[in-house]
Amino acid sequence: RQARVTGTLKGYDQLLNLVLDEAIEFEREQDDPLKLSTKTRQLGLIVCRGTAVMLVSPTEGTEEIKNPFQEADGEQTAHS
């Protein structure tokens, strides 16, 4: 079962097990599990097993920037 959960990261370990506080689950549409519904569920303090985590990203405070590894002609360069 796929779930989208947001919360405040309180801790993690080397296996990427995450501790989230004030966690909220965004429920999926019953007729189309790829779409999120407007329904949410308050979860509070939770532990997410690292093997089940697919993506971790900030929900605010980010902005898109130009790719620093892409040259003007569109080819990417290797930096070491």
PDB file of N, CA and C in Angstrom:
ATOM      1  N   ARG A   1       0.848  -1.180   0.000  1.00  0.00           N
ATOM      2  CA  ARG A   1       0.000   0.000   0.000  1.00  0.00           C
ATOM      3  C   ARG A   1       0.883   1.229   0.000  1.00  0.00           C
ATOM      4  N   GLN A   2       0.672   2.117  -0.952  1.00  0.00           N
ATOM      5  CA  GLN A   2       1.425   3.361  -1.004  1.00  0.00           C
ATOM      6  C   GLN A   2       0.732   4.404  -0.157  1.00  0.00           C
ATOM      7  N   ALA A   3       1.524   5.202   0.531  1.00  0.00           N
ATOM      8  CA  ALA A   3       0.969   6.286   1.329  1.00  0.00           C
ATOM      9  C   ALA A   3       1.864   7.500   1.198  1.00  0.00           C
ATOM     10  N   ARG A   4       1.257   8.664   1.239  1.00  0.00           N
ATOM     11  CA  ARG A   4       2.030   9.902   1.285  1.00  0.00           C
ATOM     12  C   ARG A   4       1.858  10.466   2.681  1.00  0.00           C
ATOM     13  N   VAL A   5       2.982  10.680   3.341  1.00  0.00           N
ATOM     14  CA  VAL A   5       2.966  11.159   4.719  1.00  0.00           C
ATOM     15  C   VAL A   5       3.884  12.363   4.816  1.00  0.00           C
ATOM     16  N   THR A   6       3.425  13.402   5.496  1.00  0.00           N
ATOM     17  CA  THR A   6       4.286  14.540   5.796  1.00  0.00           C
ATOM     18  C   THR A   6       4.393  14.671   7.301  1.00  0.00           C
ATOM     19  N   GLY A   7       5.469  15.276   7.747  1.00  0.00           N
ATOM     20  CA  GLY A   7       5.669  15.484   9.172  1.00  0.00           C
ATOM     21  C   GLY A   7       7.007  16.150   9.418  1.00  0.00           C
ATOM     22  N   THR A   8       7.315  16.340  10.676  1.00  0.00           N
ATOM     23  CA  THR A   8       8.577  16.946  11.076  1.00  0.00           C
ATOM     24  C   THR A   8       9.566  15.838  11.411  1.00  0.00           C
ATOM     25  N   LEU A   9      10.683  15.812  10.696  1.00  0.00           N
ATOM     26  CA  LEU A   9      11.701  14.784  10.922  1.00  0.00           C
ATOM     27  C   LEU A   9      12.363  15.024  12.270  1.00  0.00           C
ATOM     28  N   LYS A  10      12.255  14.038  13.147  1.00  0.00           N
ATOM     29  CA  LYS A  10      12.848  14.134  14.485  1.00  0.00           C
ATOM     30  C   LYS A  10      14.106  13.297  14.616  1.00  0.00           C
ATOM     31  N   GLY A  11      14.265  12.286  13.757  1.00  0.00           N
ATOM     32  CA  GLY A  11      15.456  11.454  13.828  1.00  0.00           C
ATOM     33  C   GLY A  11      15.450  10.381  12.764  1.00  0.00           C
ATOM     34  N   TYR A  12      16.625   9.769  12.565  1.00  0.00           N
ATOM     35  CA  TYR A  12      16.774   8.681  11.605  1.00  0.00           C
ATOM     36  C   TYR A  12      17.991   7.861  12.001  1.00  0.00           C
ATOM     37  N   ASP A  13      18.131   6.683  11.391  1.00  0.00           N
ATOM     38  CA  ASP A  13      19.303   5.852  11.651  1.00  0.00           C
ATOM     39  C   ASP A  13      19.932   5.422  10.331  1.00  0.00           C
ATOM     40  N   GLN A  14      20.977   4.588  10.408  1.00  0.00           N
ATOM     41  CA  GLN A  14      21.713   4.182   9.216  1.00  0.00           C
ATOM     42  C   GLN A  14      20.882   3.343   8.253  1.00  0.00           C
ATOM     43  N   LEU A  15      19.779   2.778   8.701  1.00  0.00           N
ATOM     44  CA  LEU A  15      18.890   2.004   7.831  1.00  0.00           C
ATOM     45  C   LEU A  15      17.782   2.863   7.229  1.00  0.00           C
ATOM     46  N   LEU A  16      17.841   4.168   7.470  1.00  0.00           N
ATOM     47  CA  LEU A  16      16.857   5.147   7.013  1.00  0.00           C
ATOM     48  C   LEU A  16      15.485   4.952   7.658  1.00  0.00           C
ATOM     49  N   ASN A  17      15.446   4.351   8.842  1.00  0.00           N
ATOM     50  CA  ASN A  17      14.218   4.366   9.629  1.00  0.00           C
ATOM     51  C   ASN A  17      14.030   5.805  10.083  1.00  0.00           C
ATOM     52  N   LEU A  18      12.832   6.340   9.901  1.00  0.00           N
ATOM     53  CA  LEU A  18      12.567   7.744  10.199  1.00  0.00           C
ATOM     54  C   LEU A  18      11.605   7.883  11.364  1.00  0.00           C
ATOM     55  N   VAL A  19      11.841   8.872  12.204  1.00  0.00           N
ATOM     56  CA  VAL A  19      10.895   9.246  13.251  1.00  0.00           C
ATOM     57  C   VAL A  19      10.298  10.579  12.824  1.00  0.00           C
ATOM     58  N   LEU A  20       8.982  10.599  12.616  1.00  0.00           N
ATOM     59  CA  LEU A  20       8.269  11.809  12.212  1.00  0.00           C
ATOM     60  C   LEU A  20       7.292  12.213  13.300  1.00  0.00           C
ATOM     61  N   ASP A  21       7.251  13.503  13.590  1.00  0.00           N
ATOM     62  CA  ASP A  21       6.284  14.039  14.541  1.00  0.00           C
ATOM     63  C   ASP A  21       5.257  14.854  13.774  1.00  0.00           C
ATOM     64  N   GLU A  22       4.075  14.974  14.330  1.00  0.00           N
ATOM     65  CA  GLU A  22       2.970  15.705  13.701  1.00  0.00           C
ATOM     66  C   GLU A  22       2.711  15.167  12.290  1.00  0.00           C
ATOM     67  N   ALA A  23       2.795  13.851  12.141  1.00  0.00           N
ATOM     68  CA  ALA A  23       2.642  13.218  10.829  1.00  0.00           C
ATOM     69  C   ALA A  23       1.185  13.247  10.372  1.00  0.00           C
ATOM     70  N   ILE A  24       1.025  13.486   9.081  1.00  0.00           N
ATOM     71  CA  ILE A  24      -0.292  13.507   8.443  1.00  0.00           C
ATOM     72  C   ILE A  24      -0.231  12.606   7.217  1.00  0.00           C
ATOM     73  N   GLU A  25      -1.184  11.692   7.097  1.00  0.00           N
ATOM     74  CA  GLU A  25      -1.277  10.827   5.921  1.00  0.00           C
ATOM     75  C   GLU A  25      -2.307  11.404   4.962  1.00  0.00           C
ATOM     76  N   PHE A  26      -1.939  11.492   3.704  1.00  0.00           N
ATOM     77  CA  PHE A  26      -2.856  11.935   2.662  1.00  0.00           C
ATOM     78  C   PHE A  26      -3.444  10.691   2.022  1.00  0.00           C
ATOM     79  N   GLU A  27      -4.759  10.525   2.156  1.00  0.00           N
ATOM     80  CA  GLU A  27      -5.417   9.320   1.653  1.00  0.00           C
ATOM     81  C   GLU A  27      -5.550   9.367   0.137  1.00  0.00           C
ATOM     82  N   ARG A  28      -5.684   8.201  -0.460  1.00  0.00           N
ATOM     83  CA  ARG A  28      -5.807   8.074  -1.913  1.00  0.00           C
ATOM     84  C   ARG A  28      -7.273   7.867  -2.302  1.00  0.00           C
ATOM     85  N   GLU A  29      -7.589   8.223  -3.547  1.00  0.00           N
ATOM     86  CA  GLU A  29      -8.935   8.001  -4.072  1.00  0.00           C
ATOM     87  C   GLU A  29      -9.186   6.502  -4.166  1.00  0.00           C
ATOM     88  N   GLN A  30     -10.390   6.059  -3.803  1.00  0.00           N
ATOM     89  CA  GLN A  30     -10.696   4.630  -3.860  1.00  0.00           C
ATOM     90  C   GLN A  30     -10.782   4.118  -5.288  1.00  0.00           C
ATOM     91  N   ASP A  31     -11.316   4.937  -6.202  1.00  0.00           N
ATOM     92  CA  ASP A  31     -11.463   4.491  -7.586  1.00  0.00           C
ATOM     93  C   ASP A  31     -10.176   4.642  -8.402  1.00  0.00           C
ATOM     94  N   ASP A  32      -9.235   5.472  -7.938  1.00  0.00           N
ATOM     95  CA  ASP A  32      -7.950   5.650  -8.623  1.00  0.00           C
ATOM     96  C   ASP A  32      -6.856   5.825  -7.573  1.00  0.00           C
ATOM     97  N   PRO A  33      -6.168   4.737  -7.208  1.00  0.00           N
ATOM     98  CA  PRO A  33      -5.170   4.808  -6.139  1.00  0.00           C
ATOM     99  C   PRO A  33      -3.951   5.665  -6.468  1.00  0.00           C
ATOM    100  N   LEU A  34      -3.827   6.131  -7.714  1.00  0.00           N
ATOM    101  CA  LEU A  34      -2.717   7.010  -8.062  1.00  0.00           C
ATOM    102  C   LEU A  34      -3.000   8.465  -7.719  1.00  0.00           C
ATOM    103  N   LYS A  35      -4.262   8.790  -7.428  1.00  0.00           N
ATOM    104  CA  LYS A  35      -4.647  10.163  -7.098  1.00  0.00           C
ATOM    105  C   LYS A  35      -4.836  10.319  -5.596  1.00  0.00           C
ATOM    106  N   LEU A  36      -4.353  11.453  -5.074  1.00  0.00           N
ATOM    107  CA  LEU A  36      -4.576  11.764  -3.665  1.00  0.00           C
ATOM    108  C   LEU A  36      -5.941  12.404  -3.505  1.00  0.00           C
ATOM    109  N   SER A  37      -6.645  12.051  -2.449  1.00  0.00           N
ATOM    110  CA  SER A  37      -7.928  12.685  -2.163  1.00  0.00           C
ATOM    111  C   SER A  37      -7.675  13.885  -1.256  1.00  0.00           C
ATOM    112  N   THR A  38      -8.722  14.582  -0.921  1.00  0.00           N
ATOM    113  CA  THR A  38      -8.593  15.721  -0.014  1.00  0.00           C
ATOM    114  C   THR A  38      -8.647  15.281   1.443  1.00  0.00           C
ATOM    115  N   LYS A  39      -8.901  13.996   1.677  1.00  0.00           N
ATOM    116  CA  LYS A  39      -8.991  13.483   3.043  1.00  0.00           C
ATOM    117  C   LYS A  39      -7.596  13.262   3.619  1.00  0.00           C
ATOM    118  N   THR A  40      -7.443  13.623   4.883  1.00  0.00           N
ATOM    119  CA  THR A  40      -6.182  13.386   5.586  1.00  0.00           C
ATOM    120  C   THR A  40      -6.463  12.679   6.897  1.00  0.00           C
ATOM    121  N   ARG A  41      -5.416  12.077   7.442  1.00  0.00           N
ATOM    122  CA  ARG A  41      -5.537  11.387   8.725  1.00  0.00           C
ATOM    123  C   ARG A  41      -4.364  11.816   9.595  1.00  0.00           C
ATOM    124  N   GLN A  42      -4.654  12.319  10.789  1.00  0.00           N
ATOM    125  CA  GLN A  42      -3.617  12.736  11.735  1.00  0.00           C
ATOM    126  C   GLN A  42      -3.003  11.492  12.370  1.00  0.00           C
ATOM    127  N   LEU A  43      -1.690  11.337  12.247  1.00  0.00           N
ATOM    128  CA  LEU A  43      -1.012  10.167  12.788  1.00  0.00           C
ATOM    129  C   LEU A  43      -0.196  10.481  14.040  1.00  0.00           C
ATOM    130  N   GLY A  44       0.226  11.722  14.205  1.00  0.00           N
ATOM    131  CA  GLY A  44       1.024  12.091  15.374  1.00  0.00           C
ATOM    132  C   GLY A  44       2.472  11.669  15.225  1.00  0.00           C
ATOM    133  N   LEU A  45       3.032  11.041  16.268  1.00  0.00           N
ATOM    134  CA  LEU A  45       4.421  10.586  16.277  1.00  0.00           C
ATOM    135  C   LEU A  45       4.485   9.170  15.713  1.00  0.00           C
ATOM    136  N   ILE A  46       5.271   8.974  14.647  1.00  0.00           N
ATOM    137  CA  ILE A  46       5.343   7.660  14.003  1.00  0.00           C
ATOM    138  C   ILE A  46       6.790   7.295  13.680  1.00  0.00           C
ATOM    139  N   VAL A  47       7.010   6.011  13.432  1.00  0.00           N
ATOM    140  CA  VAL A  47       8.283   5.503  12.923  1.00  0.00           C
ATOM    141  C   VAL A  47       8.007   4.878  11.562  1.00  0.00           C
ATOM    142  N   CYS A  48       8.742   5.306  10.546  1.00  0.00           N
ATOM    143  CA  CYS A  48       8.635   4.742   9.202  1.00  0.00           C
ATOM    144  C   CYS A  48       9.825   3.825   8.984  1.00  0.00           C
ATOM    145  N   ARG A  49       9.564   2.581   8.623  1.00  0.00           N
ATOM    146  CA  ARG A  49      10.660   1.642   8.356  1.00  0.00           C
ATOM    147  C   ARG A  49      11.404   2.057   7.098  1.00  0.00           C
ATOM    148  N   GLY A  50      12.710   2.050   7.185  1.00  0.00           N
ATOM    149  CA  GLY A  50      13.542   2.492   6.075  1.00  0.00           C
ATOM    150  C   GLY A  50      13.304   1.740   4.785  1.00  0.00           C
ATOM    151  N   THR A  51      12.990   0.451   4.867  1.00  0.00           N
ATOM    152  CA  THR A  51      12.753  -0.337   3.651  1.00  0.00           C
ATOM    153  C   THR A  51      11.482   0.094   2.927  1.00  0.00           C
ATOM    154  N   ALA A  52      10.597   0.796   3.602  1.00  0.00           N
ATOM    155  CA  ALA A  52       9.346   1.249   2.994  1.00  0.00           C
ATOM    156  C   ALA A  52       9.429   2.686   2.486  1.00  0.00           C
ATOM    157  N   VAL A  53      10.508   3.392   2.804  1.00  0.00           N
ATOM    158  CA  VAL A  53      10.647   4.798   2.408  1.00  0.00           C
ATOM    159  C   VAL A  53      11.145   4.873   0.971  1.00  0.00           C
ATOM    160  N   MET A  54      10.391   5.575   0.131  1.00  0.00           N
ATOM    161  CA  MET A  54      10.776   5.721  -1.275  1.00  0.00           C
ATOM    162  C   MET A  54      11.377   7.083  -1.568  1.00  0.00           C
ATOM    163  N   LEU A  55      10.951   8.125  -0.849  1.00  0.00           N
ATOM    164  CA  LEU A  55      11.407   9.475  -1.138  1.00  0.00           C
ATOM    165  C   LEU A  55      11.319  10.312   0.123  1.00  0.00           C
ATOM    166  N   VAL A  56      12.335  11.115   0.348  1.00  0.00           N
ATOM    167  CA  VAL A  56      12.325  12.084   1.438  1.00  0.00           C
ATOM    168  C   VAL A  56      12.667  13.430   0.818  1.00  0.00           C
ATOM    169  N   SER A  57      11.806  14.418   1.014  1.00  0.00           N
ATOM    170  CA  SER A  57      12.071  15.743   0.462  1.00  0.00           C
ATOM    171  C   SER A  57      11.414  16.797   1.334  1.00  0.00           C
ATOM    172  N   PRO A  58      11.983  18.006   1.345  1.00  0.00           N
ATOM    173  CA  PRO A  58      11.361  19.086   2.113  1.00  0.00           C
ATOM    174  C   PRO A  58      10.059  19.521   1.444  1.00  0.00           C
ATOM    175  N   THR A  59       9.110  19.988   2.246  1.00  0.00           N
ATOM    176  CA  THR A  59       7.835  20.438   1.683  1.00  0.00           C
ATOM    177  C   THR A  59       7.792  21.943   1.479  1.00  0.00           C
ATOM    178  N   GLU A  60       8.748  22.658   2.046  1.00  0.00           N
ATOM    179  CA  GLU A  60       8.792  24.109   1.855  1.00  0.00           C
ATOM    180  C   GLU A  60      10.230  24.582   1.978  1.00  0.00           C
ATOM    181  N   GLY A  61      10.463  25.819   1.550  1.00  0.00           N
ATOM    182  CA  GLY A  61      11.793  26.393   1.670  1.00  0.00           C
ATOM    183  C   GLY A  61      12.755  25.972   0.576  1.00  0.00           C
ATOM    184  N   THR A  62      12.226  25.499  -0.554  1.00  0.00           N
ATOM    185  CA  THR A  62      13.095  25.111  -1.660  1.00  0.00           C
ATOM    186  C   THR A  62      12.768  25.955  -2.879  1.00  0.00           C
ATOM    187  N   GLU A  63      13.730  26.057  -3.766  1.00  0.00           N
ATOM    188  CA  GLU A  63      13.493  26.750  -5.025  1.00  0.00           C
ATOM    189  C   GLU A  63      14.286  26.056  -6.123  1.00  0.00           C
ATOM    190  N   GLU A  64      13.768  26.105  -7.328  1.00  0.00           N
ATOM    191  CA  GLU A  64      14.427  25.465  -8.461  1.00  0.00           C
ATOM    192  C   GLU A  64      15.595  26.324  -8.918  1.00  0.00           C
ATOM    193  N   ILE A  65      16.740  25.682  -9.197  1.00  0.00           N
ATOM    194  CA  ILE A  65      17.910  26.397  -9.687  1.00  0.00           C
ATOM    195  C   ILE A  65      18.349  25.789 -11.012  1.00  0.00           C
ATOM    196  N   LYS A  66      19.189  26.536 -11.739  1.00  0.00           N
ATOM    197  CA  LYS A  66      19.758  26.047 -12.991  1.00  0.00           C
ATOM    198  C   LYS A  66      20.708  24.900 -12.680  1.00  0.00           C
ATOM    199  N   ASN A  67      20.719  23.878 -13.539  1.00  0.00           N
ATOM    200  CA  ASN A  67      21.602  22.734 -13.370  1.00  0.00           C
ATOM    201  C   ASN A  67      23.049  23.187 -13.545  1.00  0.00           C
ATOM    202  N   PRO A  68      23.884  23.133 -12.490  1.00  0.00           N
ATOM    203  CA  PRO A  68      25.266  23.615 -12.610  1.00  0.00           C
ATOM    204  C   PRO A  68      26.156  22.683 -13.433  1.00  0.00           C
ATOM    205  N   PHE A  69      25.694  21.484 -13.739  1.00  0.00           N
ATOM    206  CA  PHE A  69      26.487  20.518 -14.492  1.00  0.00           C
ATOM    207  C   PHE A  69      26.120  20.475 -15.973  1.00  0.00           C
ATOM    208  N   GLN A  70      25.189  21.317 -16.384  1.00  0.00           N
ATOM    209  CA  GLN A  70      24.752  21.323 -17.774  1.00  0.00           C
ATOM    210  C   GLN A  70      25.394  22.500 -18.495  1.00  0.00           C
ATOM    211  N   GLU A  71      26.032  22.218 -19.626  1.00  0.00           N
ATOM    212  CA  GLU A  71      26.651  23.270 -20.421  1.00  0.00           C
ATOM    213  C   GLU A  71      25.607  23.918 -21.312  1.00  0.00           C
ATOM    214  N   ALA A  72      25.969  24.991 -21.962  1.00  0.00           N
ATOM    215  CA  ALA A  72      25.037  25.771 -22.774  1.00  0.00           C
ATOM    216  C   ALA A  72      24.404  24.952 -23.895  1.00  0.00           C
ATOM    217  N   ASP A  73      25.126  23.975 -24.454  1.00  0.00           N
ATOM    218  CA  ASP A  73      24.579  23.192 -25.564  1.00  0.00           C
ATOM    219  C   ASP A  73      23.684  22.052 -25.107  1.00  0.00           C
ATOM    220  N   GLY A  74      23.461  21.921 -23.794  1.00  0.00           N
ATOM    221  CA  GLY A  74      22.563  20.904 -23.273  1.00  0.00           C
ATOM    222  C   GLY A  74      23.245  19.639 -22.816  1.00  0.00           C
ATOM    223  N   GLU A  75      24.543  19.478 -23.113  1.00  0.00           N
ATOM    224  CA  GLU A  75      25.255  18.285 -22.663  1.00  0.00           C
ATOM    225  C   GLU A  75      25.686  18.459 -21.217  1.00  0.00           C
ATOM    226  N   GLN A  76      25.712  17.342 -20.514  1.00  0.00           N
ATOM    227  CA  GLN A  76      26.147  17.382 -19.125  1.00  0.00           C
ATOM    228  C   GLN A  76      27.632  17.091 -19.057  1.00  0.00           C
ATOM    229  N   THR A  77      28.298  17.732 -18.089  1.00  0.00           N
ATOM    230  CA  THR A  77      29.723  17.510 -17.893  1.00  0.00           C
ATOM    231  C   THR A  77      29.937  16.742 -16.611  1.00  0.00           C
ATOM    232  N   ALA A  78      31.022  16.012 -16.565  1.00  0.00           N
ATOM    233  CA  ALA A  78      31.366  15.254 -15.358  1.00  0.00           C
ATOM    234  C   ALA A  78      32.332  16.079 -14.527  1.00  0.00           C
ATOM    235  N   HIS A  79      31.943  16.355 -13.298  1.00  0.00           N
ATOM    236  CA  HIS A  79      32.812  17.068 -12.364  1.00  0.00           C
ATOM    237  C   HIS A  79      33.250  16.089 -11.298  1.00  0.00           C
ATOM    238  N   SER A  80      34.489  16.202 -10.866  1.00  0.00           N
ATOM    239  CA  SER A  80      34.946  15.311  -9.798  1.00  0.00           C
ATOM    240  C   SER A  80      35.424  16.103  -8.609  1.00  0.00           C
TER     241      SER A  80
END
